[in-house]
Amino acid sequence: MAILFFSLRGVPEDEAEDVRAILAEHEIAFYETSAGNWGVSMPAIWLYDEADREKILPAFNDYQEQRAYTQRRLYREAQSQRSWDAGLLLRRGFYASLLVLTAYVSVKWVFEMGL
């Protein structure tokens, strides 16, 4: 019976490649399913044997911890650089102005209709 090892829905391609490499490195037989033509199927990596899952789990957990640490560090670095991005501040100001203008026009229109 097939054992679901890793769901590929919403997973970046580099992470999926890393998982495949870990499985290949430990000589674990696996197969993949795609999302299908309409994207409604289960894209995943499946194992053939439960014993293989128990064998690979410690290495996989170490990889996940390392990846989580690395991605958090990259996210914090991106956030620190992004806070001073002039384009971002300009976009936020534009959207805020657009929101205020829309609210003003909506309220003014309601009161002009005699409410």
N, C-alpha and C. Protein backbone atom coordinates (compact mmCIF):
# COMPACT_ATOMS: atom_id res chain seq x y z
N MET A 1 0.84 -1.18 0.00
CA MET A 1 0.00 0.00 0.00
C MET A 1 0.89 1.25 0.00
N ALA A 2 0.52 2.22 -0.77
CA ALA A 2 1.30 3.45 -0.88
C ALA A 2 1.14 4.31 0.36
N ILE A 3 2.23 4.97 0.73
CA ILE A 3 2.24 5.84 1.89
C ILE A 3 2.56 7.25 1.43
N LEU A 4 1.67 8.19 1.75
CA LEU A 4 1.91 9.58 1.41
C LEU A 4 3.08 10.08 2.24
N PHE A 5 4.12 10.55 1.56
CA PHE A 5 5.29 11.05 2.27
C PHE A 5 5.35 12.57 2.29
N PHE A 6 5.07 13.20 1.14
CA PHE A 6 5.25 14.65 1.04
C PHE A 6 4.30 15.21 0.00
N SER A 7 3.41 16.08 0.42
CA SER A 7 2.49 16.73 -0.50
C SER A 7 3.23 17.84 -1.25
N LEU A 8 3.04 17.89 -2.55
CA LEU A 8 3.72 18.88 -3.38
C LEU A 8 2.86 20.10 -3.70
N ARG A 9 1.66 20.16 -3.17
CA ARG A 9 0.78 21.30 -3.46
C ARG A 9 1.33 22.55 -2.76
N GLY A 10 1.64 23.56 -3.56
CA GLY A 10 2.13 24.83 -3.04
C GLY A 10 3.59 24.80 -2.60
N VAL A 11 4.32 23.76 -2.97
CA VAL A 11 5.72 23.61 -2.57
C VAL A 11 6.61 24.19 -3.67
N PRO A 12 7.59 25.01 -3.30
CA PRO A 12 8.52 25.52 -4.32
C PRO A 12 9.31 24.37 -4.95
N GLU A 13 9.68 24.54 -6.20
CA GLU A 13 10.37 23.48 -6.92
C GLU A 13 11.71 23.11 -6.29
N ASP A 14 12.41 24.09 -5.72
CA ASP A 14 13.70 23.77 -5.10
C ASP A 14 13.53 22.86 -3.88
N GLU A 15 12.46 23.06 -3.12
CA GLU A 15 12.20 22.18 -1.97
C GLU A 15 11.84 20.77 -2.44
N ALA A 16 11.02 20.67 -3.48
CA ALA A 16 10.66 19.36 -4.01
C ALA A 16 11.90 18.63 -4.52
N GLU A 17 12.80 19.35 -5.18
CA GLU A 17 14.05 18.74 -5.66
C GLU A 17 14.90 18.26 -4.49
N ASP A 18 14.94 19.04 -3.42
CA ASP A 18 15.70 18.63 -2.23
C ASP A 18 15.14 17.34 -1.63
N VAL A 19 13.81 17.24 -1.55
CA VAL A 19 13.18 16.04 -1.00
C VAL A 19 13.49 14.83 -1.88
N ARG A 20 13.41 15.02 -3.19
CA ARG A 20 13.76 13.92 -4.11
C ARG A 20 15.21 13.49 -3.92
N ALA A 21 16.09 14.48 -3.75
CA ALA A 21 17.52 14.18 -3.57
C ALA A 21 17.76 13.41 -2.27
N ILE A 22 17.08 13.79 -1.20
CA ILE A 22 17.23 13.08 0.07
C ILE A 22 16.78 11.63 -0.07
N LEU A 23 15.65 11.43 -0.73
CA LEU A 23 15.16 10.07 -0.93
C LEU A 23 16.13 9.26 -1.79
N ALA A 24 16.64 9.86 -2.83
CA ALA A 24 17.59 9.15 -3.70
C ALA A 24 18.90 8.85 -2.97
N GLU A 25 19.34 9.79 -2.16
CA GLU A 25 20.58 9.61 -1.40
C GLU A 25 20.48 8.42 -0.44
N HIS A 26 19.30 8.25 0.14
CA HIS A 26 19.09 7.14 1.08
C HIS A 26 18.55 5.88 0.38
N GLU A 27 18.52 5.93 -0.94
CA GLU A 27 18.08 4.79 -1.76
C GLU A 27 16.68 4.30 -1.39
N ILE A 28 15.77 5.26 -1.25
CA ILE A 28 14.38 4.97 -0.95
C ILE A 28 13.59 5.03 -2.26
N ALA A 29 12.87 3.97 -2.55
CA ALA A 29 12.04 3.94 -3.77
C ALA A 29 10.79 4.78 -3.54
N PHE A 30 10.48 5.63 -4.50
CA PHE A 30 9.29 6.49 -4.39
C PHE A 30 8.74 6.75 -5.78
N TYR A 31 7.54 7.28 -5.80
CA TYR A 31 6.96 7.74 -7.06
C TYR A 31 6.18 9.01 -6.78
N GLU A 32 5.88 9.74 -7.86
CA GLU A 32 5.18 11.02 -7.73
C GLU A 32 3.86 10.99 -8.49
N THR A 33 2.92 11.74 -7.97
CA THR A 33 1.68 11.98 -8.69
C THR A 33 1.59 13.48 -8.95
N SER A 34 1.01 13.84 -10.07
CA SER A 34 0.88 15.25 -10.42
C SER A 34 -0.51 15.75 -10.07
N ALA A 35 -0.71 17.04 -10.26
CA ALA A 35 -2.02 17.63 -9.97
C ALA A 35 -3.02 17.34 -11.08
N GLY A 36 -2.58 16.75 -12.15
CA GLY A 36 -3.48 16.41 -13.25
C GLY A 36 -3.73 17.60 -14.16
N ASN A 37 -4.56 17.37 -15.15
CA ASN A 37 -4.84 18.41 -16.15
C ASN A 37 -5.57 19.61 -15.57
N TRP A 38 -6.46 19.37 -14.61
CA TRP A 38 -7.26 20.46 -14.04
C TRP A 38 -6.77 20.89 -12.67
N GLY A 39 -5.72 20.29 -12.18
CA GLY A 39 -5.16 20.69 -10.90
C GLY A 39 -5.95 20.24 -9.69
N VAL A 40 -6.78 19.19 -9.84
CA VAL A 40 -7.61 18.76 -8.72
C VAL A 40 -7.09 17.48 -8.06
N SER A 41 -6.13 16.82 -8.67
CA SER A 41 -5.57 15.61 -8.09
C SER A 41 -4.54 15.98 -7.03
N MET A 42 -4.00 14.96 -6.36
CA MET A 42 -3.07 15.17 -5.27
C MET A 42 -1.63 15.09 -5.76
N PRO A 43 -0.95 16.25 -5.94
CA PRO A 43 0.46 16.18 -6.29
C PRO A 43 1.26 15.82 -5.04
N ALA A 44 1.98 14.72 -5.09
CA ALA A 44 2.67 14.26 -3.89
C ALA A 44 3.79 13.30 -4.24
N ILE A 45 4.63 13.06 -3.23
CA ILE A 45 5.65 12.01 -3.30
C ILE A 45 5.17 10.89 -2.40
N TRP A 46 5.13 9.69 -2.94
CA TRP A 46 4.62 8.54 -2.23
C TRP A 46 5.73 7.50 -2.06
N LEU A 47 5.67 6.78 -0.96
CA LEU A 47 6.60 5.69 -0.70
C LEU A 47 5.87 4.37 -0.85
N TYR A 48 6.62 3.33 -1.14
CA TYR A 48 6.03 2.01 -1.32
C TYR A 48 5.88 1.26 0.00
N ASP A 49 6.76 1.55 0.97
CA ASP A 49 6.80 0.74 2.17
C ASP A 49 6.87 1.63 3.41
N GLU A 50 6.15 1.25 4.45
CA GLU A 50 6.15 2.00 5.71
C GLU A 50 7.54 1.97 6.36
N ALA A 51 8.27 0.90 6.19
CA ALA A 51 9.62 0.80 6.76
C ALA A 51 10.54 1.86 6.15
N ASP A 52 10.36 2.16 4.87
CA ASP A 52 11.14 3.21 4.23
C ASP A 52 10.84 4.58 4.86
N ARG A 53 9.60 4.78 5.21
CA ARG A 53 9.21 6.04 5.84
C ARG A 53 9.92 6.21 7.18
N GLU A 54 9.94 5.17 7.96
CA GLU A 54 10.61 5.23 9.26
C GLU A 54 12.11 5.42 9.08
N LYS A 55 12.66 4.87 8.03
CA LYS A 55 14.09 4.97 7.76
C LYS A 55 14.50 6.39 7.36
N ILE A 56 13.67 7.05 6.58
CA ILE A 56 14.02 8.36 6.04
C ILE A 56 13.59 9.51 6.96
N LEU A 57 12.69 9.28 7.87
CA LEU A 57 12.12 10.36 8.68
C LEU A 57 13.16 11.18 9.45
N PRO A 58 14.17 10.60 10.12
CA PRO A 58 15.15 11.45 10.81
C PRO A 58 15.89 12.41 9.88
N ALA A 59 16.33 11.93 8.72
CA ALA A 59 17.03 12.80 7.77
C ALA A 59 16.10 13.87 7.23
N PHE A 60 14.86 13.50 6.97
CA PHE A 60 13.89 14.45 6.44
C PHE A 60 13.57 15.53 7.47
N ASN A 61 13.42 15.14 8.73
CA ASN A 61 13.15 16.12 9.79
C ASN A 61 14.31 17.09 9.95
N ASP A 62 15.54 16.59 9.87
CA ASP A 62 16.71 17.48 9.93
C ASP A 62 16.69 18.47 8.77
N TYR A 63 16.36 17.99 7.58
CA TYR A 63 16.28 18.87 6.41
C TYR A 63 15.21 19.94 6.62
N GLN A 64 14.05 19.55 7.13
CA GLN A 64 12.96 20.51 7.34
C GLN A 64 13.34 21.58 8.35
N GLU A 65 14.02 21.19 9.42
CA GLU A 65 14.46 22.17 10.42
C GLU A 65 15.47 23.15 9.81
N GLN A 66 16.41 22.62 9.03
CA GLN A 66 17.40 23.47 8.39
C GLN A 66 16.74 24.42 7.40
N ARG A 67 15.81 23.90 6.61
CA ARG A 67 15.13 24.74 5.62
C ARG A 67 14.29 25.81 6.30
N ALA A 68 13.60 25.46 7.37
CA ALA A 68 12.80 26.45 8.09
C ALA A 68 13.68 27.57 8.63
N TYR A 69 14.82 27.21 9.20
CA TYR A 69 15.75 28.21 9.71
C TYR A 69 16.24 29.12 8.59
N THR A 70 16.64 28.53 7.47
CA THR A 70 17.16 29.29 6.34
C THR A 70 16.09 30.21 5.76
N GLN A 71 14.88 29.70 5.59
CA GLN A 71 13.80 30.51 5.00
C GLN A 71 13.40 31.65 5.92
N ARG A 72 13.39 31.41 7.23
CA ARG A 72 13.08 32.49 8.17
C ARG A 72 14.13 33.59 8.11
N ARG A 73 15.41 33.19 8.01
CA ARG A 73 16.49 34.16 7.91
C ARG A 73 16.35 34.99 6.63
N LEU A 74 16.07 34.31 5.52
CA LEU A 74 15.87 35.02 4.26
C LEU A 74 14.68 35.97 4.32
N TYR A 75 13.62 35.53 4.99
CA TYR A 75 12.42 36.37 5.12
C TYR A 75 12.73 37.62 5.95
N ARG A 76 13.45 37.43 7.07
CA ARG A 76 13.80 38.59 7.90
C ARG A 76 14.68 39.57 7.14
N GLU A 77 15.63 39.06 6.37
CA GLU A 77 16.48 39.93 5.57
C GLU A 77 15.67 40.69 4.54
N ALA A 78 14.75 40.00 3.89
CA ALA A 78 13.90 40.66 2.89
C ALA A 78 13.02 41.72 3.54
N GLN A 79 12.50 41.43 4.73
CA GLN A 79 11.66 42.40 5.42
C GLN A 79 12.44 43.63 5.83
N SER A 80 13.67 43.44 6.29
CA SER A 80 14.47 44.60 6.70
C SER A 80 14.81 45.47 5.50
N GLN A 81 15.04 44.89 4.35
CA GLN A 81 15.31 45.67 3.15
C GLN A 81 14.04 46.28 2.59
N ARG A 82 12.93 45.61 2.76
CA ARG A 82 11.68 46.06 2.18
C ARG A 82 11.10 47.26 2.93
N SER A 83 11.39 47.38 4.22
CA SER A 83 10.79 48.46 4.99
C SER A 83 11.23 49.84 4.49
N TRP A 84 12.38 49.93 3.82
CA TRP A 84 12.87 51.20 3.32
C TRP A 84 12.67 51.35 1.83
N ASP A 85 11.91 50.47 1.24
CA ASP A 85 11.67 50.51 -0.20
C ASP A 85 10.75 51.68 -0.53
N ALA A 86 11.24 52.64 -1.29
CA ALA A 86 10.45 53.82 -1.64
C ALA A 86 9.26 53.46 -2.51
N GLY A 87 9.44 52.50 -3.40
CA GLY A 87 8.33 52.08 -4.26
C GLY A 87 7.19 51.49 -3.47
N LEU A 88 7.52 50.75 -2.43
CA LEU A 88 6.49 50.16 -1.58
C LEU A 88 5.73 51.25 -0.84
N LEU A 89 6.44 52.22 -0.30
CA LEU A 89 5.77 53.32 0.40
C LEU A 89 4.89 54.11 -0.55
N LEU A 90 5.35 54.31 -1.76
CA LEU A 90 4.56 55.04 -2.76
C LEU A 90 3.29 54.27 -3.11
N ARG A 91 3.41 52.96 -3.29
CA ARG A 91 2.23 52.14 -3.59
C ARG A 91 1.24 52.15 -2.43
N ARG A 92 1.75 52.03 -1.22
CA ARG A 92 0.86 52.06 -0.06
C ARG A 92 0.13 53.39 0.05
N GLY A 93 0.85 54.48 -0.21
CA GLY A 93 0.21 55.80 -0.19
C GLY A 93 -0.85 55.93 -1.26
N PHE A 94 -0.55 55.41 -2.44
CA PHE A 94 -1.52 55.46 -3.54
C PHE A 94 -2.79 54.68 -3.18
N TYR A 95 -2.62 53.47 -2.66
CA TYR A 95 -3.79 52.65 -2.31
C TYR A 95 -4.58 53.27 -1.16
N ALA A 96 -3.91 53.87 -0.20
CA ALA A 96 -4.61 54.54 0.89
C ALA A 96 -5.41 55.72 0.35
N SER A 97 -4.81 56.50 -0.55
CA SER A 97 -5.52 57.63 -1.16
C SER A 97 -6.72 57.16 -1.96
N LEU A 98 -6.54 56.08 -2.70
CA LEU A 98 -7.64 55.52 -3.48
C LEU A 98 -8.78 55.04 -2.59
N LEU A 99 -8.44 54.45 -1.46
CA LEU A 99 -9.44 53.99 -0.51
C LEU A 99 -10.21 55.17 0.08
N VAL A 100 -9.52 56.23 0.46
CA VAL A 100 -10.18 57.41 1.03
C VAL A 100 -11.06 58.08 -0.03
N LEU A 101 -10.58 58.18 -1.25
CA LEU A 101 -11.37 58.79 -2.32
C LEU A 101 -12.64 57.98 -2.59
N THR A 102 -12.51 56.66 -2.64
CA THR A 102 -13.68 55.80 -2.87
C THR A 102 -14.70 55.96 -1.74
N ALA A 103 -14.24 55.99 -0.51
CA ALA A 103 -15.15 56.16 0.63
C ALA A 103 -15.82 57.52 0.57
N TYR A 104 -15.07 58.57 0.24
CA TYR A 104 -15.64 59.91 0.16
C TYR A 104 -16.72 60.00 -0.92
N VAL A 105 -16.41 59.48 -2.11
CA VAL A 105 -17.37 59.53 -3.22
C VAL A 105 -18.62 58.72 -2.87
N SER A 106 -18.45 57.58 -2.26
CA SER A 106 -19.60 56.74 -1.90
C SER A 106 -20.50 57.44 -0.89
N VAL A 107 -19.92 58.01 0.15
CA VAL A 107 -20.70 58.69 1.18
C VAL A 107 -21.35 59.94 0.62
N LYS A 108 -20.64 60.72 -0.18
CA LYS A 108 -21.19 61.94 -0.78
C LYS A 108 -22.38 61.60 -1.68
N TRP A 109 -22.25 60.54 -2.46
CA TRP A 109 -23.33 60.12 -3.36
C TRP A 109 -24.58 59.72 -2.59
N VAL A 110 -24.41 59.02 -1.49
CA VAL A 110 -25.56 58.61 -0.68
C VAL A 110 -26.27 59.83 -0.11
N PHE A 111 -25.51 60.82 0.40
CA PHE A 111 -26.14 62.00 0.97
C PHE A 111 -26.77 62.91 -0.09
N GLU A 112 -26.23 62.93 -1.30
CA GLU A 112 -26.83 63.71 -2.38
C GLU A 112 -28.15 63.12 -2.83
N MET A 113 -28.33 61.82 -2.63
CA MET A 113 -29.58 61.19 -3.03
C MET A 113 -30.69 61.45 -2.03
N GLY A 114 -30.36 62.10 -0.93
CA GLY A 114 -31.38 62.52 0.00
C GLY A 114 -31.57 61.64 1.22
N LEU A 115 -30.57 60.93 1.62
CA LEU A 115 -30.68 60.09 2.82
C LEU A 115 -30.53 60.89 4.06
